[in-house]
PDB file of N, CA and C in Angstrom:
ATOM      1  N   MET A   1      98.029 108.882 101.095  1.00  0.00           N
ATOM      2  CA  MET A   1      96.736 108.791 100.935  1.00  0.00           C
ATOM      3  C   MET A   1      96.139 109.541  99.646  1.00  0.00           C
ATOM      4  N   PRO A   2      95.300 108.918  98.610  1.00  0.00           N
ATOM      5  CA  PRO A   2      94.795 109.915  97.650  1.00  0.00           C
ATOM      6  C   PRO A   2      93.725 110.768  98.249  1.00  0.00           C
ATOM      7  N   ILE A   3      93.493 112.007  97.437  1.00  0.00           N
ATOM      8  CA  ILE A   3      92.566 112.887  97.639  1.00  0.00           C
ATOM      9  C   ILE A   3      91.660 112.770  96.844  1.00  0.00           C
ATOM     10  N   TYR A   4      90.061 112.221  97.076  1.00  0.00           N
ATOM     11  CA  TYR A   4      89.031 112.025  95.928  1.00  0.00           C
ATOM     12  C   TYR A   4      88.171 113.060  96.212  1.00  0.00           C
ATOM     13  N   GLU A   5      87.795 113.726  94.929  1.00  0.00           N
ATOM     14  CA  GLU A   5      86.781 114.853  94.745  1.00  0.00           C
ATOM     15  C   GLU A   5      85.336 114.191  94.628  1.00  0.00           C
ATOM     16  N   TYR A   6      84.508 114.578  95.552  1.00  0.00           N
ATOM     17  CA  TYR A   6      83.102 113.960  95.109  1.00  0.00           C
ATOM     18  C   TYR A   6      82.309 115.362  95.033  1.00  0.00           C
ATOM     19  N   ARG A   7      81.153 114.928  94.398  1.00  0.00           N
ATOM     20  CA  ARG A   7      80.033 115.891  94.034  1.00  0.00           C
ATOM     21  C   ARG A   7      78.623 115.441  94.590  1.00  0.00           C
ATOM     22  N   CYS A   8      77.758 115.998  94.817  1.00  0.00           N
ATOM     23  CA  CYS A   8      76.230 115.591  95.055  1.00  0.00           C
ATOM     24  C   CYS A   8      75.402 116.035  94.131  1.00  0.00           C
ATOM     25  N   PRO A   9      74.584 115.366  93.605  1.00  0.00           N
ATOM     26  CA  PRO A   9      73.746 115.620  92.127  1.00  0.00           C
ATOM     27  C   PRO A   9      72.683 116.533  92.621  1.00  0.00           C
ATOM     28  N   SER A  10      72.361 116.389  93.980  1.00  0.00           N
ATOM     29  CA  SER A  10      70.706 116.756  94.479  1.00  0.00           C
ATOM     30  C   SER A  10      71.153 118.362  94.682  1.00  0.00           C
ATOM     31  N   CYS A  11      72.115 118.689  95.541  1.00  0.00           N
ATOM     32  CA  CYS A  11      72.215 119.742  96.049  1.00  0.00           C
ATOM     33  C   CYS A  11      73.611 120.880  95.449  1.00  0.00           C
ATOM     34  N   GLY A  12      74.557 120.111  94.764  1.00  0.00           N
ATOM     35  CA  GLY A  12      75.421 120.344  94.324  1.00  0.00           C
ATOM     36  C   GLY A  12      76.592 120.745  95.080  1.00  0.00           C
ATOM     37  N   PHE A  13      76.696 120.105  96.374  1.00  0.00           N
ATOM     38  CA  PHE A  13      77.885 120.182  97.108  1.00  0.00           C
ATOM     39  C   PHE A  13      78.827 119.262  96.988  1.00  0.00           C
ATOM     40  N   GLN A  14      80.202 120.161  96.775  1.00  0.00           N
ATOM     41  CA  GLN A  14      81.577 119.466  96.237  1.00  0.00           C
ATOM     42  C   GLN A  14      82.478 119.698  97.191  1.00  0.00           C
ATOM     43  N   LYS A  15      83.267 118.484  97.214  1.00  0.00           N
ATOM     44  CA  LYS A  15      84.141 118.605  98.613  1.00  0.00           C
ATOM     45  C   LYS A  15      85.179 117.544  98.300  1.00  0.00           C
ATOM     46  N   GLU A  16      86.570 117.561  98.565  1.00  0.00           N
ATOM     47  CA  GLU A  16      87.438 116.992  98.554  1.00  0.00           C
ATOM     48  C   GLU A  16      87.623 115.885  99.608  1.00  0.00           C
ATOM     49  N   HIS A  17      87.992 114.480  99.467  1.00  0.00           N
ATOM     50  CA  HIS A  17      88.034 113.971 100.890  1.00  0.00           C
ATOM     51  C   HIS A  17      89.650 113.125 100.816  1.00  0.00           C
ATOM     52  N   LEU A  18      90.112 112.944 101.925  1.00  0.00           N
ATOM     53  CA  LEU A  18      91.404 112.247 101.919  1.00  0.00           C
ATOM     54  C   LEU A  18      91.000 110.823 102.518  1.00  0.00           C
ATOM     55  N   GLN A  19      91.133 109.808 101.294  1.00  0.00           N
ATOM     56  CA  GLN A  19      90.789 108.323 101.862  1.00  0.00           C
ATOM     57  C   GLN A  19      91.864 107.336 101.472  1.00  0.00           C
ATOM     58  N   LYS A  20      92.057 106.085 102.065  1.00  0.00           N
ATOM     59  CA  LYS A  20      92.566 105.209 101.990  1.00  0.00           C
ATOM     60  C   LYS A  20      92.107 104.206 100.290  1.00  0.00           C
ATOM     61  N   MET A  21      93.030 103.948  99.364  1.00  0.00           N
ATOM     62  CA  MET A  21      92.552 103.488  98.214  1.00  0.00           C
ATOM     63  C   MET A  21      91.516 101.964  98.642  1.00  0.00           C
ATOM     64  N   SER A  22      91.729 101.540  99.798  1.00  0.00           N
ATOM     65  CA  SER A  22      90.875 100.413 100.294  1.00  0.00           C
ATOM     66  C   SER A  22      89.592 100.848 101.015  1.00  0.00           C
ATOM     67  N   ASP A  23      89.453 102.006 100.893  1.00  0.00           N
ATOM     68  CA  ASP A  23      88.176 102.498 101.778  1.00  0.00           C
ATOM     69  C   ASP A  23      86.978 102.541 100.904  1.00  0.00           C
ATOM     70  N   GLN A  24      85.757 102.208 101.391  1.00  0.00           N
ATOM     71  CA  GLN A  24      84.864 102.171 100.656  1.00  0.00           C
ATOM     72  C   GLN A  24      84.560 103.718  99.905  1.00  0.00           C
ATOM     73  N   PRO A  25      83.882 103.883  98.906  1.00  0.00           N
ATOM     74  CA  PRO A  25      83.782 105.177  98.456  1.00  0.00           C
ATOM     75  C   PRO A  25      82.272 105.738  99.169  1.00  0.00           C
ATOM     76  N   LEU A  26      82.303 107.161  99.569  1.00  0.00           N
ATOM     77  CA  LEU A  26      81.500 107.696 100.330  1.00  0.00           C
ATOM     78  C   LEU A  26      80.058 108.068  99.418  1.00  0.00           C
ATOM     79  N   SER A  27      79.431 107.777  99.842  1.00  0.00           N
ATOM     80  CA  SER A  27      77.762 107.529  99.249  1.00  0.00           C
ATOM     81  C   SER A  27      76.608 108.444  99.559  1.00  0.00           C
ATOM     82  N   THR A  28      76.937 109.203 101.151  1.00  0.00           N
ATOM     83  CA  THR A  28      76.066 110.055 101.494  1.00  0.00           C
ATOM     84  C   THR A  28      76.411 111.464 101.687  1.00  0.00           C
ATOM     85  N   CYS A  29      75.579 112.347 101.257  1.00  0.00           N
ATOM     86  CA  CYS A  29      76.412 113.682 100.849  1.00  0.00           C
ATOM     87  C   CYS A  29      76.183 114.166 102.337  1.00  0.00           C
ATOM     88  N   PRO A  30      77.406 114.996 102.973  1.00  0.00           N
ATOM     89  CA  PRO A  30      77.531 115.609 103.977  1.00  0.00           C
ATOM     90  C   PRO A  30      76.557 116.914 104.200  1.00  0.00           C
ATOM     91  N   SER A  31      76.143 117.209 103.157  1.00  0.00           N
ATOM     92  CA  SER A  31      75.505 118.749 103.342  1.00  0.00           C
ATOM     93  C   SER A  31      73.970 118.489 103.263  1.00  0.00           C
ATOM     94  N   CYS A  32      73.303 117.575 102.231  1.00  0.00           N
ATOM     95  CA  CYS A  32      71.774 117.339 102.256  1.00  0.00           C
ATOM     96  C   CYS A  32      71.508 115.911 103.110  1.00  0.00           C
ATOM     97  N   GLY A  33      72.434 115.104 102.669  1.00  0.00           N
ATOM     98  CA  GLY A  33      72.148 113.831 103.545  1.00  0.00           C
ATOM     99  C   GLY A  33      71.425 112.704 102.369  1.00  0.00           C
ATOM    100  N   SER A  34      71.433 113.236 101.377  1.00  0.00           N
ATOM    101  CA  SER A  34      71.159 112.302 100.201  1.00  0.00           C
ATOM    102  C   SER A  34      72.135 111.033  99.682  1.00  0.00           C
ATOM    103  N   GLN A  35      71.682 110.035  98.948  1.00  0.00           N
ATOM    104  CA  GLN A  35      72.705 109.249  98.596  1.00  0.00           C
ATOM    105  C   GLN A  35      73.321 109.374  97.451  1.00  0.00           C
ATOM    106  N   GLY A  36      73.112 110.150  96.832  1.00  0.00           N
ATOM    107  CA  GLY A  36      73.762 110.400  95.505  1.00  0.00           C
ATOM    108  C   GLY A  36      75.168 110.903  95.260  1.00  0.00           C
ATOM    109  N   TYR A  37      75.882 110.921  96.286  1.00  0.00           N
ATOM    110  CA  TYR A  37      77.383 111.739  96.533  1.00  0.00           C
ATOM    111  C   TYR A  37      78.206 110.716  95.802  1.00  0.00           C
ATOM    112  N   ALA A  38      79.090 111.116  94.920  1.00  0.00           N
ATOM    113  CA  ALA A  38      79.792 110.332  94.013  1.00  0.00           C
ATOM    114  C   ALA A  38      81.073 110.944  93.854  1.00  0.00           C
ATOM    115  N   LYS A  39      81.868 110.305  93.569  1.00  0.00           N
ATOM    116  CA  LYS A  39      83.306 110.498  93.162  1.00  0.00           C
ATOM    117  C   LYS A  39      83.443 111.232  91.897  1.00  0.00           C
ATOM    118  N   LEU A  40      84.175 112.123  91.653  1.00  0.00           N
ATOM    119  CA  LEU A  40      84.556 112.860  90.535  1.00  0.00           C
ATOM    120  C   LEU A  40      85.580 112.474  89.720  1.00  0.00           C
ATOM    121  N   LEU A  41      85.567 112.174  88.370  1.00  0.00           N
ATOM    122  CA  LEU A  41      86.658 111.773  87.488  1.00  0.00           C
ATOM    123  C   LEU A  41      87.761 113.377  87.414  1.00  0.00           C
ATOM    124  N   SER A  42      88.913 113.554  87.972  1.00  0.00           N
ATOM    125  CA  SER A  42      89.792 114.474  87.751  1.00  0.00           C
ATOM    126  C   SER A  42      90.983 114.066  87.789  1.00  0.00           C
ATOM    127  N   ALA A  43      91.757 115.136  87.404  1.00  0.00           N
ATOM    128  CA  ALA A  43      93.184 114.793  86.966  1.00  0.00           C
ATOM    129  C   ALA A  43      94.220 114.696  88.381  1.00  0.00           C
ATOM    130  N   ALA A  44      94.770 113.763  88.321  1.00  0.00           N
ATOM    131  CA  ALA A  44      95.943 113.476  89.355  1.00  0.00           C
ATOM    132  C   ALA A  44      97.043 114.509  89.301  1.00  0.00           C
ATOM    133  N   GLY A  45      97.405 114.969  90.547  1.00  0.00           N
ATOM    134  CA  GLY A  45      98.149 116.056  91.011  1.00  0.00           C
ATOM    135  C   GLY A  45      99.467 115.365  91.551  1.00  0.00           C
ATOM    136  N   PHE A  46     100.399 115.797  90.993  1.00  0.00           N
ATOM    137  CA  PHE A  46     101.781 115.046  91.223  1.00  0.00           C
ATOM    138  C   PHE A  46     103.144 115.911  90.713  1.00  0.00           C
ATOM    139  N   GLN A  47     104.230 116.149  91.452  1.00  0.00           N
ATOM    140  CA  GLN A  47     105.413 116.562  91.147  1.00  0.00           C
ATOM    141  C   GLN A  47     106.526 115.715  90.996  1.00  0.00           C
ATOM    142  N   LEU A  48     107.137 115.618  90.086  1.00  0.00           N
ATOM    143  CA  LEU A  48     108.359 114.861  90.124  1.00  0.00           C
ATOM    144  C   LEU A  48     109.861 115.614  90.535  1.00  0.00           C
ATOM    145  N   LYS A  49     110.250 115.110  91.513  1.00  0.00           N
ATOM    146  CA  LYS A  49     111.685 115.772  92.089  1.00  0.00           C
ATOM    147  C   LYS A  49     112.685 114.836  91.997  1.00  0.00           C
ATOM    148  N   GLY A  50     113.851 115.431  91.734  1.00  0.00           N
ATOM    149  CA  GLY A  50     115.129 114.430  92.054  1.00  0.00           C
ATOM    150  C   GLY A  50     116.026 114.636  90.709  1.00  0.00           C
ATOM    151  N   SER A  51     116.777 113.724  90.185  1.00  0.00           N
ATOM    152  CA  SER A  51     117.112 113.851  89.139  1.00  0.00           C
ATOM    153  C   SER A  51     117.245 112.429  88.354  1.00  0.00           C
ATOM    154  N   GLY A  52     115.773 111.877  88.397  1.00  0.00           N
ATOM    155  CA  GLY A  52     115.508 110.700  87.449  1.00  0.00           C
ATOM    156  C   GLY A  52     115.490 110.994  86.133  1.00  0.00           C
ATOM    157  N   TRP A  53     114.860 110.018  85.219  1.00  0.00           N
ATOM    158  CA  TRP A  53     114.608 110.141  83.623  1.00  0.00           C
ATOM    159  C   TRP A  53     114.183 111.121  83.302  1.00  0.00           C
ATOM    160  N   TYR A  54     112.955 111.511  84.014  1.00  0.00           N
ATOM    161  CA  TYR A  54     112.112 113.145  83.457  1.00  0.00           C
ATOM    162  C   TYR A  54     112.930 113.919  83.533  1.00  0.00           C
ATOM    163  N   ALA A  55     114.139 114.014  84.190  1.00  0.00           N
ATOM    164  CA  ALA A  55     114.618 115.319  84.184  1.00  0.00           C
ATOM    165  C   ALA A  55     115.905 115.450  83.362  1.00  0.00           C
ATOM    166  N   THR A  56     116.441 114.654  82.435  1.00  0.00           N
ATOM    167  CA  THR A  56     117.031 114.381  81.716  1.00  0.00           C
ATOM    168  C   THR A  56     116.484 114.292  80.322  1.00  0.00           C
ATOM    169  N   ASP A  57     115.160 113.903  80.368  1.00  0.00           N
ATOM    170  CA  ASP A  57     114.773 113.393  78.962  1.00  0.00           C
ATOM    171  C   ASP A  57     113.493 114.393  78.810  1.00  0.00           C
ATOM    172  N   PHE A  58     112.693 115.074  79.701  1.00  0.00           N
ATOM    173  CA  PHE A  58     111.771 115.878  79.539  1.00  0.00           C
ATOM    174  C   PHE A  58     111.594 117.134  80.185  1.00  0.00           C
ATOM    175  N   LYS A  59     112.323 117.423  81.361  1.00  0.00           N
ATOM    176  CA  LYS A  59     112.179 118.835  81.967  1.00  0.00           C
ATOM    177  C   LYS A  59     113.227 119.704  81.481  1.00  0.00           C
ATOM    178  N   GLY A  60     112.469 120.910  81.215  1.00  0.00           N
ATOM    179  CA  GLY A  60     113.558 122.091  80.581  1.00  0.00           C
ATOM    180  C   GLY A  60     113.783 121.892  79.133  1.00  0.00           C
ATOM    181  N   GLY A  61     114.704 122.721  79.086  1.00  0.00           N
ATOM    182  CA  GLY A  61     115.666 122.461  77.589  1.00  0.00           C
ATOM    183  C   GLY A  61     114.568 122.442  76.503  1.00  0.00           C
ATOM    184  N   SER A  62     113.670 123.455  76.085  1.00  0.00           N
ATOM    185  CA  SER A  62     113.102 123.505  74.973  1.00  0.00           C
ATOM    186  C   SER A  62     113.951 123.913  73.649  1.00  0.00           C
ATOM    187  N   THR A  63     113.262 123.147  73.069  1.00  0.00           N
ATOM    188  CA  THR A  63     114.049 123.046  71.382  1.00  0.00           C
ATOM    189  C   THR A  63     113.640 124.299  70.427  1.00  0.00           C
ATOM    190  N   ALA A  64     114.161 124.775  69.742  1.00  0.00           N
ATOM    191  CA  ALA A  64     113.803 125.485  68.828  1.00  0.00           C
ATOM    192  C   ALA A  64     112.864 125.181  67.799  1.00  0.00           C
ATOM    193  N   PRO A  65     111.787 125.687  67.598  1.00  0.00           N
ATOM    194  CA  PRO A  65     110.704 125.271  66.453  1.00  0.00           C
ATOM    195  C   PRO A  65     111.312 124.929  64.957  1.00  0.00           C
ATOM    196  N   ALA A  66     110.520 123.933  64.367  1.00  0.00           N
ATOM    197  CA  ALA A  66     111.425 123.582  63.025  1.00  0.00           C
ATOM    198  C   ALA A  66     111.077 124.890  62.222  1.00  0.00           C
ATOM    199  N   ALA A  67     112.128 124.969  61.128  1.00  0.00           N
ATOM    200  CA  ALA A  67     111.923 125.984  59.960  1.00  0.00           C
ATOM    201  C   ALA A  67     110.976 125.771  59.091  1.00  0.00           C
ATOM    202  N   THR A  68     110.265 126.744  58.743  1.00  0.00           N
ATOM    203  CA  THR A  68     109.308 126.611  57.725  1.00  0.00           C
ATOM    204  C   THR A  68     109.924 127.002  56.240  1.00  0.00           C
ATOM    205  N   SER A  69     109.722 125.886  55.208  1.00  0.00           N
ATOM    206  CA  SER A  69     110.051 126.363  54.103  1.00  0.00           C
ATOM    207  C   SER A  69     109.467 127.574  53.296  1.00  0.00           C
ATOM    208  N   ALA A  70     109.864 127.907  52.201  1.00  0.00           N
ATOM    209  CA  ALA A  70     109.512 129.108  51.523  1.00  0.00           C
ATOM    210  C   ALA A  70     108.125 128.944  50.957  1.00  0.00           C
ATOM    211  N   THR A  71     107.603 127.620  50.588  1.00  0.00           N
ATOM    212  CA  THR A  71     106.269 127.603  50.282  1.00  0.00           C
ATOM    213  C   THR A  71     105.272 127.881  51.333  1.00  0.00           C
ATOM    214  N   GLU A  72     105.466 127.760  52.438  1.00  0.00           N
ATOM    215  CA  GLU A  72     104.649 127.726  53.438  1.00  0.00           C
ATOM    216  C   GLU A  72     104.656 128.855  54.051  1.00  0.00           C
ATOM    217  N   THR A  73     103.172 129.459  54.696  1.00  0.00           N
ATOM    218  CA  THR A  73     102.747 130.650  55.136  1.00  0.00           C
ATOM    219  C   THR A  73     102.507 130.410  56.437  1.00  0.00           C
ATOM    220  N   PRO A  74     103.314 131.392  57.429  1.00  0.00           N
ATOM    221  CA  PRO A  74     103.165 130.850  58.572  1.00  0.00           C
ATOM    222  C   PRO A  74     101.784 131.502  58.971  1.00  0.00           C
ATOM    223  N   ALA A  75     101.452 130.871  60.201  1.00  0.00           N
ATOM    224  CA  ALA A  75     100.065 131.338  60.529  1.00  0.00           C
ATOM    225  C   ALA A  75      99.787 132.411  61.569  1.00  0.00           C
ATOM    226  N   ALA A  76      98.579 133.098  61.339  1.00  0.00           N
ATOM    227  CA  ALA A  76      98.437 134.311  61.676  1.00  0.00           C
ATOM    228  C   ALA A  76      98.175 134.170  63.120  1.00  0.00           C
ATOM    229  N   PRO A  77      98.502 135.296  63.785  1.00  0.00           N
ATOM    230  CA  PRO A  77      98.388 135.439  65.425  1.00  0.00           C
ATOM    231  C   PRO A  77      96.808 135.309  65.813  1.00  0.00           C
ATOM    232  N   ALA A  78      96.347 134.613  66.724  1.00  0.00           N
ATOM    233  CA  ALA A  78      95.097 134.248  67.029  1.00  0.00           C
ATOM    234  C   ALA A  78      94.586 135.520  67.625  1.00  0.00           C
ATOM    235  N   CYS A  79      95.371 136.599  68.140  1.00  0.00           N
ATOM    236  CA  CYS A  79      94.729 137.781  69.218  1.00  0.00           C
ATOM    237  C   CYS A  79      95.019 139.064  67.967  1.00  0.00           C
ATOM    238  N   ALA A  80      94.049 139.777  68.629  1.00  0.00           N
ATOM    239  CA  ALA A  80      93.883 141.167  67.685  1.00  0.00           C
ATOM    240  C   ALA A  80      94.629 142.104  68.640  1.00  0.00           C
ATOM    241  N   GLY A  81      95.814 142.343  68.789  1.00  0.00           N
ATOM    242  CA  GLY A  81      96.368 143.478  69.322  1.00  0.00           C
ATOM    243  C   GLY A  81      97.082 143.046  70.758  1.00  0.00           C
ATOM    244  N   GLY A  82      97.113 144.049  71.569  1.00  0.00           N
ATOM    245  CA  GLY A  82      97.901 144.070  72.850  1.00  0.00           C
ATOM    246  C   GLY A  82      97.332 143.501  74.083  1.00  0.00           C
ATOM    247  N   GLY A  83      95.640 143.006  73.891  1.00  0.00           N
ATOM    248  CA  GLY A  83      94.935 142.432  75.005  1.00  0.00           C
ATOM    249  C   GLY A  83      95.544 141.204  75.605  1.00  0.00           C
ATOM    250  N   CYS A  84      96.319 140.640  74.831  1.00  0.00           N
ATOM    251  CA  CYS A  84      96.031 138.991  75.056  1.00  0.00           C
ATOM    252  C   CYS A  84      97.459 138.945  75.937  1.00  0.00           C
ATOM    253  N   ALA A  85      97.754 137.686  76.379  1.00  0.00           N
ATOM    254  CA  ALA A  85      99.027 137.477  77.036  1.00  0.00           C
ATOM    255  C   ALA A  85     100.293 137.023  76.154  1.00  0.00           C
ATOM    256  N   CYS A  86     100.115 137.137  74.657  1.00  0.00           N
ATOM    257  CA  CYS A  86     101.247 136.583  73.757  1.00  0.00           C
ATOM    258  C   CYS A  86     101.759 138.240  73.583  1.00  0.00           C
ATOM    259  N   HIS A  87     101.369 139.168  73.979  1.00  0.00           N
ATOM    260  CA  HIS A  87     101.921 140.514  73.261  1.00  0.00           C
ATOM    261  C   HIS A  87     102.660 141.255  74.947  1.00  0.00           C
TER     262      HIS A  87
END
């Protein structure tokens, strides 16, 4: 069963609800009782496991970046020192 995230525009209450795809959407906020309780658009979370096509075509195995030509100037780093995650 999918997990749907809902939010109330009146009081700001937000919660995830486990519902069947065939269930009617919730409309009453469990916190304040207003009728504006609505589903949020959020990214689906899932994990592929096993040895399917994704494992051979997309999983792991990073490739080396393309070489730059002598006329191209490499981009400057976006950070200014050792305070970021790239150092």
